[in-house]
Amino acid sequence: MRTLIRSVAALAAAGLTLAPAAASAAPTPSPGASTVTKAGTSFLTATAIAAGQPVQVDASSGDHLYWSFRAEAGQTHTINATVSFPKGRSGRSTWTIDVFDGLRRRQACTAGAQTPTVDATATSVTLGCTLRRVRPWAEPWSGDPLPGTYYVRLAVTDLPELDLGLPIDADLLVSVDGEGGASGDDGKLKAPLVPNTRAGTVLTAEPMPEPVAEKKTSLTDWLPEAGSRWVWTTAGGVLAAVAGVVGFALTRRRRRP
């Protein structure tokens, strides 16, 4: 009996020991997935990736790196990133990984080191962000994650000026939990949240002004307005001339014998 109890306790202890290790196991890329070796510098130039597709990019400290991926209802996505840098750094640095939906709304992370800080002696930093489950629909005022395009931004927020421009290696992987489609929400989004790529048309040449129809002129068109300064100047000149003539005539009559 004691042997049986000891065996059960040993198995329970082994299970408790292995459970955290299994929970903290790093996600692995999908078999046969090609590696992405580039990143965008803004939302418009974000590099498209798929869940399970590894990313390995050479960049410089201070760069903002952007990627985009598609998400369906019922899925839960986890983004893991590792940034490696040289040892010769002058101070501590703080890194961040942010996720935005198709409307450029920043999404909250339920788990993961989203904004870690490392010392100058560290050679790498690990970041992570687990998103909320994507819902098939939501109220317009809510910020719940909805199906569509999502953006990942990897950047440094606090860095000594002397360390700007140092070479870094960024590894990123987006893993997904759930096949999508299955959800307990009673509703469905009419269309996925995707960026508007046709905001306007680009003009190839300067537009020519439209021809103005010729207007028939008359005598009244040449006359100035009643309240313009030309009317008052002319009237003042005429009155001054008349007053000069009248004054000259009166003065001349008085001088006659």
Foldseek 3Di string as FASTA:
>chain_A
DVVVVVVVVVVVVVVVVVVVVVVPDDDAADPPAEEAAAFDQDPVRGAEDEARHKYKYKDWAAGKGKHKYWDAAQKKKKKKKKKFFDLPFDWKWKKAKWKAFLVRHTFAFPDWAGIDMDTSRDGMDMTMGIGDGAHQDDDPVDPGHHGDMMMMIIHIDDGDPVRGGGMMMMMMHMHMDDPHDDDPDDDGDPDGRHHDPPPDDDDPDDDDDDDDDDDDDDPVVPDDDPPDPVNVVVVVVVVVVVVVVVVVVVVVVVPDD
